Amino acid sequence: MGFNGTWNITMKTPMGDREAVLTLAQDGDELSGEATADGNATPVKNGKVEDGRAKFNVDLTTPMPITLEFDVAEDGSNLDGSVKLGMFGTSDVTGTPA
């Protein structure tokens, strides 16, 4: 199936659950797309697929500049993995088809 599609994701952050919509397009081992939260769309950067996992970054500017580093795998038709929150540690992330 690959990582093509749109997911409603939830990140379990120290400041509570954060929700976003993630749209991904896989072409071989390349991955592109965007994440949308709070009305702001941000492109996926450095996206790649390796060993059955999607790894990519999303640069946020609000409420503060931070790079989110995602590492997710398919769990049936869902996504499951982790997101590194810059200097704030790593949190769990899950996604369901939108």
PDB file of N, CA and C in Angstrom:
ATOM      1  N   MET A   1       0.822  -1.199   0.000  1.00  0.00           N
ATOM      2  CA  MET A   1       0.000   0.000   0.000  1.00  0.00           C
ATOM      3  C   MET A   1       0.858   1.252   0.000  1.00  0.00           C
ATOM      4  N   GLY A   2       1.977   1.226   0.712  1.00  0.00           N
ATOM      5  CA  GLY A   2       2.815   2.418   0.762  1.00  0.00           C
ATOM      6  C   GLY A   2       2.226   3.477   1.676  1.00  0.00           C
ATOM      7  N   PHE A   3       2.871   4.612   1.679  1.00  0.00           N
ATOM      8  CA  PHE A   3       2.465   5.698   2.575  1.00  0.00           C
ATOM      9  C   PHE A   3       1.672   6.779   1.843  1.00  0.00           C
ATOM     10  N   ASN A   4       1.016   6.422   0.734  1.00  0.00           N
ATOM     11  CA  ASN A   4       0.176   7.381   0.025  1.00  0.00           C
ATOM     12  C   ASN A   4      -1.147   7.540   0.759  1.00  0.00           C
ATOM     13  N   GLY A   5      -1.543   8.780   1.006  1.00  0.00           N
ATOM     14  CA  GLY A   5      -2.851   8.990   1.613  1.00  0.00           C
ATOM     15  C   GLY A   5      -2.868  10.152   2.575  1.00  0.00           C
ATOM     16  N   THR A   6      -4.022  10.294   3.204  1.00  0.00           N
ATOM     17  CA  THR A   6      -4.255  11.370   4.166  1.00  0.00           C
ATOM     18  C   THR A   6      -4.672  10.754   5.491  1.00  0.00           C
ATOM     19  N   TRP A   7      -4.036  11.210   6.559  1.00  0.00           N
ATOM     20  CA  TRP A   7      -4.312  10.693   7.896  1.00  0.00           C
ATOM     21  C   TRP A   7      -4.617  11.829   8.867  1.00  0.00           C
ATOM     22  N   ASN A   8      -5.502  11.535   9.797  1.00  0.00           N
ATOM     23  CA  ASN A   8      -5.707  12.391  10.961  1.00  0.00           C
ATOM     24  C   ASN A   8      -4.744  11.865  12.015  1.00  0.00           C
ATOM     25  N   ILE A   9      -3.757  12.683  12.379  1.00  0.00           N
ATOM     26  CA  ILE A   9      -2.756  12.216  13.336  1.00  0.00           C
ATOM     27  C   ILE A   9      -2.932  12.901  14.683  1.00  0.00           C
ATOM     28  N   THR A  10      -2.505  12.184  15.722  1.00  0.00           N
ATOM     29  CA  THR A  10      -2.491  12.710  17.078  1.00  0.00           C
ATOM     30  C   THR A  10      -1.101  12.508  17.643  1.00  0.00           C
ATOM     31  N   MET A  11      -0.512  13.605  18.122  1.00  0.00           N
ATOM     32  CA  MET A  11       0.798  13.565  18.766  1.00  0.00           C
ATOM     33  C   MET A  11       0.581  13.751  20.258  1.00  0.00           C
ATOM     34  N   LYS A  12       1.122  12.845  21.055  1.00  0.00           N
ATOM     35  CA  LYS A  12       1.012  12.909  22.512  1.00  0.00           C
ATOM     36  C   LYS A  12       2.159  13.759  23.050  1.00  0.00           C
ATOM     37  N   THR A  13       1.959  15.089  23.143  1.00  0.00           N
ATOM     38  CA  THR A  13       3.046  15.991  23.539  1.00  0.00           C
ATOM     39  C   THR A  13       2.983  16.300  25.028  1.00  0.00           C
ATOM     40  N   PRO A  14       4.055  16.858  25.588  1.00  0.00           N
ATOM     41  CA  PRO A  14       4.026  17.267  27.000  1.00  0.00           C
ATOM     42  C   PRO A  14       2.951  18.328  27.280  1.00  0.00           C
ATOM     43  N   MET A  15       2.507  19.041  26.242  1.00  0.00           N
ATOM     44  CA  MET A  15       1.474  20.071  26.424  1.00  0.00           C
ATOM     45  C   MET A  15       0.093  19.535  26.070  1.00  0.00           C
ATOM     46  N   GLY A  16      -0.043  18.209  26.011  1.00  0.00           N
ATOM     47  CA  GLY A  16      -1.325  17.593  25.682  1.00  0.00           C
ATOM     48  C   GLY A  16      -1.348  17.101  24.250  1.00  0.00           C
ATOM     49  N   ASP A  17      -2.449  16.475  23.882  1.00  0.00           N
ATOM     50  CA  ASP A  17      -2.594  15.945  22.537  1.00  0.00           C
ATOM     51  C   ASP A  17      -2.666  17.069  21.516  1.00  0.00           C
ATOM     52  N   ARG A  18      -1.926  16.909  20.420  1.00  0.00           N
ATOM     53  CA  ARG A  18      -1.957  17.855  19.290  1.00  0.00           C
ATOM     54  C   ARG A  18      -2.419  17.079  18.072  1.00  0.00           C
ATOM     55  N   GLU A  19      -3.406  17.624  17.381  1.00  0.00           N
ATOM     56  CA  GLU A  19      -3.947  16.954  16.209  1.00  0.00           C
ATOM     57  C   GLU A  19      -3.566  17.704  14.944  1.00  0.00           C
ATOM     58  N   ALA A  20      -3.403  16.954  13.856  1.00  0.00           N
ATOM     59  CA  ALA A  20      -3.062  17.532  12.553  1.00  0.00           C
ATOM     60  C   ALA A  20      -3.558  16.584  11.473  1.00  0.00           C
ATOM     61  N   VAL A  21      -3.571  17.077  10.259  1.00  0.00           N
ATOM     62  CA  VAL A  21      -3.877  16.251   9.091  1.00  0.00           C
ATOM     63  C   VAL A  21      -2.585  16.115   8.297  1.00  0.00           C
ATOM     64  N   LEU A  22      -2.221  14.890   8.007  1.00  0.00           N
ATOM     65  CA  LEU A  22      -0.981  14.589   7.310  1.00  0.00           C
ATOM     66  C   LEU A  22      -1.314  13.971   5.963  1.00  0.00           C
ATOM     67  N   THR A  23      -0.798  14.567   4.888  1.00  0.00           N
ATOM     68  CA  THR A  23      -0.980  14.033   3.546  1.00  0.00           C
ATOM     69  C   THR A  23       0.394  13.634   3.012  1.00  0.00           C
ATOM     70  N   LEU A  24       0.519  12.365   2.611  1.00  0.00           N
ATOM     71  CA  LEU A  24       1.807  11.861   2.137  1.00  0.00           C
ATOM     72  C   LEU A  24       1.666  11.266   0.739  1.00  0.00           C
ATOM     73  N   ALA A  25       2.724  11.413  -0.052  1.00  0.00           N
ATOM     74  CA  ALA A  25       2.813  10.800  -1.379  1.00  0.00           C
ATOM     75  C   ALA A  25       4.165  10.106  -1.472  1.00  0.00           C
ATOM     76  N   GLN A  26       4.128   8.796  -1.694  1.00  0.00           N
ATOM     77  CA  GLN A  26       5.353   8.010  -1.807  1.00  0.00           C
ATOM     78  C   GLN A  26       5.640   7.715  -3.267  1.00  0.00           C
ATOM     79  N   ASP A  27       6.891   7.919  -3.676  1.00  0.00           N
ATOM     80  CA  ASP A  27       7.357   7.586  -5.010  1.00  0.00           C
ATOM     81  C   ASP A  27       8.658   6.818  -4.834  1.00  0.00           C
ATOM     82  N   GLY A  28       8.586   5.502  -4.855  1.00  0.00           N
ATOM     83  CA  GLY A  28       9.761   4.682  -4.546  1.00  0.00           C
ATOM     84  C   GLY A  28      10.119   4.862  -3.087  1.00  0.00           C
ATOM     85  N   ASP A  29      11.360   5.295  -2.830  1.00  0.00           N
ATOM     86  CA  ASP A  29      11.751   5.538  -1.441  1.00  0.00           C
ATOM     87  C   ASP A  29      11.689   7.024  -1.086  1.00  0.00           C
ATOM     88  N   GLU A  30      11.173   7.849  -1.997  1.00  0.00           N
ATOM     89  CA  GLU A  30      11.008   9.286  -1.747  1.00  0.00           C
ATOM     90  C   GLU A  30       9.619   9.547  -1.161  1.00  0.00           C
ATOM     91  N   LEU A  31       9.526  10.520  -0.282  1.00  0.00           N
ATOM     92  CA  LEU A  31       8.268  10.836   0.381  1.00  0.00           C
ATOM     93  C   LEU A  31       8.083  12.349   0.396  1.00  0.00           C
ATOM     94  N   SER A  32       6.906  12.806  -0.012  1.00  0.00           N
ATOM     95  CA  SER A  32       6.581  14.230   0.022  1.00  0.00           C
ATOM     96  C   SER A  32       5.195  14.382   0.625  1.00  0.00           C
ATOM     97  N   GLY A  33       4.791  15.623   0.839  1.00  0.00           N
ATOM     98  CA  GLY A  33       3.456  15.868   1.380  1.00  0.00           C
ATOM     99  C   GLY A  33       3.418  17.125   2.210  1.00  0.00           C
ATOM    100  N   GLU A  34       2.393  17.195   3.067  1.00  0.00           N
ATOM    101  CA  GLU A  34       2.271  18.345   3.965  1.00  0.00           C
ATOM    102  C   GLU A  34       1.495  17.959   5.204  1.00  0.00           C
ATOM    103  N   ALA A  35       1.731  18.730   6.262  1.00  0.00           N
ATOM    104  CA  ALA A  35       1.000  18.602   7.515  1.00  0.00           C
ATOM    105  C   ALA A  35       0.218  19.890   7.723  1.00  0.00           C
ATOM    106  N   THR A  36      -1.040  19.752   8.112  1.00  0.00           N
ATOM    107  CA  THR A  36      -1.891  20.909   8.346  1.00  0.00           C
ATOM    108  C   THR A  36      -2.410  20.865   9.775  1.00  0.00           C
ATOM    109  N   ALA A  37      -2.199  21.960  10.499  1.00  0.00           N
ATOM    110  CA  ALA A  37      -2.703  22.086  11.865  1.00  0.00           C
ATOM    111  C   ALA A  37      -3.019  23.548  12.130  1.00  0.00           C
ATOM    112  N   ASP A  38      -4.093  23.786  12.840  1.00  0.00           N
ATOM    113  CA  ASP A  38      -4.484  25.152  13.202  1.00  0.00           C
ATOM    114  C   ASP A  38      -4.572  26.071  11.982  1.00  0.00           C
ATOM    115  N   GLY A  39      -4.996  25.513  10.835  1.00  0.00           N
ATOM    116  CA  GLY A  39      -5.157  26.314   9.623  1.00  0.00           C
ATOM    117  C   GLY A  39      -3.872  26.598   8.871  1.00  0.00           C
ATOM    118  N   ASN A  40      -2.743  26.054   9.327  1.00  0.00           N
ATOM    119  CA  ASN A  40      -1.454  26.283   8.676  1.00  0.00           C
ATOM    120  C   ASN A  40      -0.960  25.002   8.023  1.00  0.00           C
ATOM    121  N   ALA A  41      -0.629  25.064   6.730  1.00  0.00           N
ATOM    122  CA  ALA A  41      -0.072  23.918   6.013  1.00  0.00           C
ATOM    123  C   ALA A  41       1.436  24.079   5.915  1.00  0.00           C
ATOM    124  N   THR A  42       2.159  23.010   6.231  1.00  0.00           N
ATOM    125  CA  THR A  42       3.618  23.029   6.221  1.00  0.00           C
ATOM    126  C   THR A  42       4.116  21.832   5.426  1.00  0.00           C
ATOM    127  N   PRO A  43       5.033  22.041   4.483  1.00  0.00           N
ATOM    128  CA  PRO A  43       5.507  20.914   3.667  1.00  0.00           C
ATOM    129  C   PRO A  43       6.354  19.919   4.463  1.00  0.00           C
ATOM    130  N   VAL A  44       6.270  18.672   4.034  1.00  0.00           N
ATOM    131  CA  VAL A  44       7.132  17.618   4.549  1.00  0.00           C
ATOM    132  C   VAL A  44       8.504  17.809   3.910  1.00  0.00           C
ATOM    133  N   LYS A  45       9.556  17.687   4.720  1.00  0.00           N
ATOM    134  CA  LYS A  45      10.932  17.833   4.232  1.00  0.00           C
ATOM    135  C   LYS A  45      11.717  16.567   4.546  1.00  0.00           C
ATOM    136  N   ASN A  46      12.728  16.305   3.719  1.00  0.00           N
ATOM    137  CA  ASN A  46      13.639  15.176   3.936  1.00  0.00           C
ATOM    138  C   ASN A  46      12.899  13.847   4.060  1.00  0.00           C
ATOM    139  N   GLY A  47      11.795  13.696   3.305  1.00  0.00           N
ATOM    140  CA  GLY A  47      10.990  12.486   3.409  1.00  0.00           C
ATOM    141  C   GLY A  47      11.616  11.302   2.703  1.00  0.00           C
ATOM    142  N   LYS A  48      11.618  10.170   3.396  1.00  0.00           N
ATOM    143  CA  LYS A  48      12.134   8.943   2.806  1.00  0.00           C
ATOM    144  C   LYS A  48      11.437   7.746   3.447  1.00  0.00           C
ATOM    145  N   VAL A  49      11.456   6.658   2.717  1.00  0.00           N
ATOM    146  CA  VAL A  49      10.929   5.396   3.225  1.00  0.00           C
ATOM    147  C   VAL A  49      12.077   4.409   3.249  1.00  0.00           C
ATOM    148  N   GLU A  50      12.309   3.840   4.421  1.00  0.00           N
ATOM    149  CA  GLU A  50      13.361   2.831   4.544  1.00  0.00           C
ATOM    150  C   GLU A  50      12.950   1.804   5.573  1.00  0.00           C
ATOM    151  N   ASP A  51      13.185   0.544   5.237  1.00  0.00           N
ATOM    152  CA  ASP A  51      12.844  -0.576   6.118  1.00  0.00           C
ATOM    153  C   ASP A  51      11.382  -0.537   6.559  1.00  0.00           C
ATOM    154  N   GLY A  52      10.482  -0.143   5.637  1.00  0.00           N
ATOM    155  CA  GLY A  52       9.057  -0.137   5.947  1.00  0.00           C
ATOM    156  C   GLY A  52       8.594   1.008   6.826  1.00  0.00           C
ATOM    157  N   ARG A  53       9.452   1.988   7.027  1.00  0.00           N
ATOM    158  CA  ARG A  53       9.119   3.134   7.879  1.00  0.00           C
ATOM    159  C   ARG A  53       9.212   4.419   7.072  1.00  0.00           C
ATOM    160  N   ALA A  54       8.316   5.348   7.361  1.00  0.00           N
ATOM    161  CA  ALA A  54       8.361   6.679   6.758  1.00  0.00           C
ATOM    162  C   ALA A  54       9.051   7.609   7.746  1.00  0.00           C
ATOM    163  N   LYS A  55      10.060   8.321   7.249  1.00  0.00           N
ATOM    164  CA  LYS A  55      10.804   9.259   8.085  1.00  0.00           C
ATOM    165  C   LYS A  55      10.813  10.606   7.379  1.00  0.00           C
ATOM    166  N   PHE A  56      10.421  11.651   8.101  1.00  0.00           N
ATOM    167  CA  PHE A  56      10.331  12.978   7.493  1.00  0.00           C
ATOM    168  C   PHE A  56      10.302  14.035   8.582  1.00  0.00           C
ATOM    169  N   ASN A  57      10.563  15.280   8.161  1.00  0.00           N
ATOM    170  CA  ASN A  57      10.564  16.421   9.071  1.00  0.00           C
ATOM    171  C   ASN A  57       9.475  17.403   8.669  1.00  0.00           C
ATOM    172  N   VAL A  58       8.981  18.129   9.663  1.00  0.00           N
ATOM    173  CA  VAL A  58       8.055  19.239   9.445  1.00  0.00           C
ATOM    174  C   VAL A  58       8.566  20.407  10.286  1.00  0.00           C
ATOM    175  N   ASP A  59       8.861  21.527   9.635  1.00  0.00           N
ATOM    176  CA  ASP A  59       9.353  22.719  10.331  1.00  0.00           C
ATOM    177  C   ASP A  59       8.177  23.612  10.714  1.00  0.00           C
ATOM    178  N   LEU A  60       7.993  23.833  12.007  1.00  0.00           N
ATOM    179  CA  LEU A  60       6.941  24.726  12.492  1.00  0.00           C
ATOM    180  C   LEU A  60       7.539  26.089  12.824  1.00  0.00           C
ATOM    181  N   THR A  61       6.725  27.121  12.687  1.00  0.00           N
ATOM    182  CA  THR A  61       7.159  28.464  13.077  1.00  0.00           C
ATOM    183  C   THR A  61       6.332  29.009  14.234  1.00  0.00           C
ATOM    184  N   THR A  62       5.136  28.445  14.454  1.00  0.00           N
ATOM    185  CA  THR A  62       4.296  28.886  15.574  1.00  0.00           C
ATOM    186  C   THR A  62       3.864  27.680  16.382  1.00  0.00           C
ATOM    187  N   PRO A  63       3.765  27.715  17.660  1.00  0.00           N
ATOM    188  CA  PRO A  63       3.945  28.898  18.495  1.00  0.00           C
ATOM    189  C   PRO A  63       5.410  29.285  18.682  1.00  0.00           C
ATOM    190  N   MET A  64       6.331  28.390  18.217  1.00  0.00           N
ATOM    191  CA  MET A  64       7.765  28.691  18.260  1.00  0.00           C
ATOM    192  C   MET A  64       8.439  27.898  17.154  1.00  0.00           C
ATOM    193  N   PRO A  65       9.590  28.352  16.677  1.00  0.00           N
ATOM    194  CA  PRO A  65      10.291  27.578  15.652  1.00  0.00           C
ATOM    195  C   PRO A  65      10.768  26.235  16.217  1.00  0.00           C
ATOM    196  N   ILE A  66      10.388  25.156  15.544  1.00  0.00           N
ATOM    197  CA  ILE A  66      10.775  23.816  15.982  1.00  0.00           C
ATOM    198  C   ILE A  66      10.674  22.868  14.788  1.00  0.00           C
ATOM    199  N   THR A  67      11.558  21.904  14.728  1.00  0.00           N
ATOM    200  CA  THR A  67      11.488  20.872  13.704  1.00  0.00           C
ATOM    201  C   THR A  67      10.960  19.600  14.338  1.00  0.00           C
ATOM    202  N   LEU A  68       9.866  19.077  13.776  1.00  0.00           N
ATOM    203  CA  LEU A  68       9.311  17.802  14.210  1.00  0.00           C
ATOM    204  C   LEU A  68       9.896  16.715  13.323  1.00  0.00           C
ATOM    205  N   GLU A  69      10.474  15.680  13.931  1.00  0.00           N
ATOM    206  CA  GLU A  69      11.103  14.586  13.196  1.00  0.00           C
ATOM    207  C   GLU A  69      10.263  13.324  13.374  1.00  0.00           C
ATOM    208  N   PHE A  70       9.523  12.943  12.327  1.00  0.00           N
ATOM    209  CA  PHE A  70       8.607  11.807  12.379  1.00  0.00           C
ATOM    210  C   PHE A  70       9.298  10.519  11.961  1.00  0.00           C
ATOM    211  N   ASP A  71       8.896   9.429  12.594  1.00  0.00           N
ATOM    212  CA  ASP A  71       9.331   8.075  12.248  1.00  0.00           C
ATOM    213  C   ASP A  71       8.114   7.180  12.483  1.00  0.00           C
ATOM    214  N   VAL A  72       7.405   6.840  11.387  1.00  0.00           N
ATOM    215  CA  VAL A  72       6.158   6.086  11.523  1.00  0.00           C
ATOM    216  C   VAL A  72       6.158   4.858  10.623  1.00  0.00           C
ATOM    217  N   ALA A  73       5.347   3.883  11.004  1.00  0.00           N
ATOM    218  CA  ALA A  73       5.145   2.672  10.224  1.00  0.00           C
ATOM    219  C   ALA A  73       3.652   2.458  10.057  1.00  0.00           C
ATOM    220  N   GLU A  74       3.296   1.666   9.061  1.00  0.00           N
ATOM    221  CA  GLU A  74       1.897   1.295   8.900  1.00  0.00           C
ATOM    222  C   GLU A  74       1.545   0.233   9.924  1.00  0.00           C
ATOM    223  N   ASP A  75       0.377   0.380  10.515  1.00  0.00           N
ATOM    224  CA  ASP A  75      -0.167  -0.588  11.457  1.00  0.00           C
ATOM    225  C   ASP A  75      -1.552  -0.922  10.925  1.00  0.00           C
ATOM    226  N   GLY A  76      -1.630  -1.914  10.036  1.00  0.00           N
ATOM    227  CA  GLY A  76      -2.867  -2.151   9.291  1.00  0.00           C
ATOM    228  C   GLY A  76      -3.061  -0.990   8.333  1.00  0.00           C
ATOM    229  N   SER A  77      -4.196  -0.305   8.434  1.00  0.00           N
ATOM    230  CA  SER A  77      -4.413   0.884   7.593  1.00  0.00           C
ATOM    231  C   SER A  77      -4.092   2.167   8.353  1.00  0.00           C
ATOM    232  N   ASN A  78      -3.572   2.053   9.563  1.00  0.00           N
ATOM    233  CA  ASN A  78      -3.236   3.209  10.403  1.00  0.00           C
ATOM    234  C   ASN A  78      -1.733   3.462  10.408  1.00  0.00           C
ATOM    235  N   LEU A  79      -1.343   4.574  11.020  1.00  0.00           N
ATOM    236  CA  LEU A  79       0.064   4.892  11.232  1.00  0.00           C
ATOM    237  C   LEU A  79       0.363   4.830  12.721  1.00  0.00           C
ATOM    238  N   ASP A  80       1.576   4.424  13.057  1.00  0.00           N
ATOM    239  CA  ASP A  80       1.990   4.353  14.453  1.00  0.00           C
ATOM    240  C   ASP A  80       3.492   4.591  14.505  1.00  0.00           C
ATOM    241  N   GLY A  81       3.931   5.439  15.440  1.00  0.00           N
ATOM    242  CA  GLY A  81       5.358   5.689  15.556  1.00  0.00           C
ATOM    243  C   GLY A  81       5.672   6.754  16.571  1.00  0.00           C
ATOM    244  N   SER A  82       6.706   7.534  16.246  1.00  0.00           N
ATOM    245  CA  SER A  82       7.166   8.557  17.188  1.00  0.00           C
ATOM    246  C   SER A  82       7.463   9.848  16.433  1.00  0.00           C
ATOM    247  N   VAL A  83       7.503  10.915  17.202  1.00  0.00           N
ATOM    248  CA  VAL A  83       7.880  12.220  16.670  1.00  0.00           C
ATOM    249  C   VAL A  83       8.810  12.878  17.685  1.00  0.00           C
ATOM    250  N   LYS A  84       9.987  13.289  17.211  1.00  0.00           N
ATOM    251  CA  LYS A  84      10.928  14.019  18.064  1.00  0.00           C
ATOM    252  C   LYS A  84      10.532  15.485  18.022  1.00  0.00           C
ATOM    253  N   LEU A  85      10.354  16.075  19.199  1.00  0.00           N
ATOM    254  CA  LEU A  85       9.851  17.440  19.345  1.00  0.00           C
ATOM    255  C   LEU A  85      10.990  18.404  19.667  1.00  0.00           C
ATOM    256  N   GLY A  86      12.009  18.425  18.812  1.00  0.00           N
ATOM    257  CA  GLY A  86      13.150  19.300  19.080  1.00  0.00           C
ATOM    258  C   GLY A  86      13.744  18.990  20.435  1.00  0.00           C
ATOM    259  N   MET A  87      13.970  20.033  21.251  1.00  0.00           N
ATOM    260  CA  MET A  87      14.572  19.860  22.574  1.00  0.00           C
ATOM    261  C   MET A  87      13.581  19.365  23.620  1.00  0.00           C
ATOM    262  N   PHE A  88      12.310  19.111  23.208  1.00  0.00           N
ATOM    263  CA  PHE A  88      11.280  18.701  24.151  1.00  0.00           C
ATOM    264  C   PHE A  88      11.082  17.189  24.214  1.00  0.00           C
ATOM    265  N   GLY A  89      12.009  16.427  23.640  1.00  0.00           N
ATOM    266  CA  GLY A  89      11.933  14.979  23.741  1.00  0.00           C
ATOM    267  C   GLY A  89      11.151  14.353  22.590  1.00  0.00           C
ATOM    268  N   THR A  90      10.792  13.107  22.808  1.00  0.00           N
ATOM    269  CA  THR A  90      10.097  12.322  21.787  1.00  0.00           C
ATOM    270  C   THR A  90       8.736  11.902  22.311  1.00  0.00           C
ATOM    271  N   SER A  91       7.734  11.939  21.425  1.00  0.00           N
ATOM    272  CA  SER A  91       6.373  11.580  21.794  1.00  0.00           C
ATOM    273  C   SER A  91       5.826  10.551  20.819  1.00  0.00           C
ATOM    274  N   ASP A  92       4.793   9.847  21.248  1.00  0.00           N
ATOM    275  CA  ASP A  92       4.099   8.902  20.390  1.00  0.00           C
ATOM    276  C   ASP A  92       3.227   9.664  19.404  1.00  0.00           C
ATOM    277  N   VAL A  93       3.071   9.087  18.211  1.00  0.00           N
ATOM    278  CA  VAL A  93       2.165   9.639  17.207  1.00  0.00           C
ATOM    279  C   VAL A  93       1.389   8.484  16.583  1.00  0.00           C
ATOM    280  N   THR A  94       0.089   8.696  16.397  1.00  0.00           N
ATOM    281  CA  THR A  94      -0.759   7.712  15.732  1.00  0.00           C
ATOM    282  C   THR A  94      -1.556   8.427  14.647  1.00  0.00           C
ATOM    283  N   GLY A  95      -2.001   7.667  13.661  1.00  0.00           N
ATOM    284  CA  GLY A  95      -2.791   8.255  12.580  1.00  0.00           C
ATOM    285  C   GLY A  95      -3.833   7.277  12.074  1.00  0.00           C
ATOM    286  N   THR A  96      -5.006   7.799  11.737  1.00  0.00           N
ATOM    287  CA  THR A  96      -6.072   7.014  11.144  1.00  0.00           C
ATOM    288  C   THR A  96      -6.422   7.625   9.788  1.00  0.00           C
ATOM    289  N   PRO A  97      -6.870   6.804   8.839  1.00  0.00           N
ATOM    290  CA  PRO A  97      -7.212   7.353   7.523  1.00  0.00           C
ATOM    291  C   PRO A  97      -8.249   8.476   7.632  1.00  0.00           C
ATOM    292  N   ALA A  98      -8.041   9.535   6.869  1.00  0.00           N
ATOM    293  CA  ALA A  98      -8.969  10.669   6.895  1.00  0.00           C
ATOM    294  C   ALA A  98     -10.128  10.409   5.950  1.00  0.00           C
TER     295      ALA A  98
END
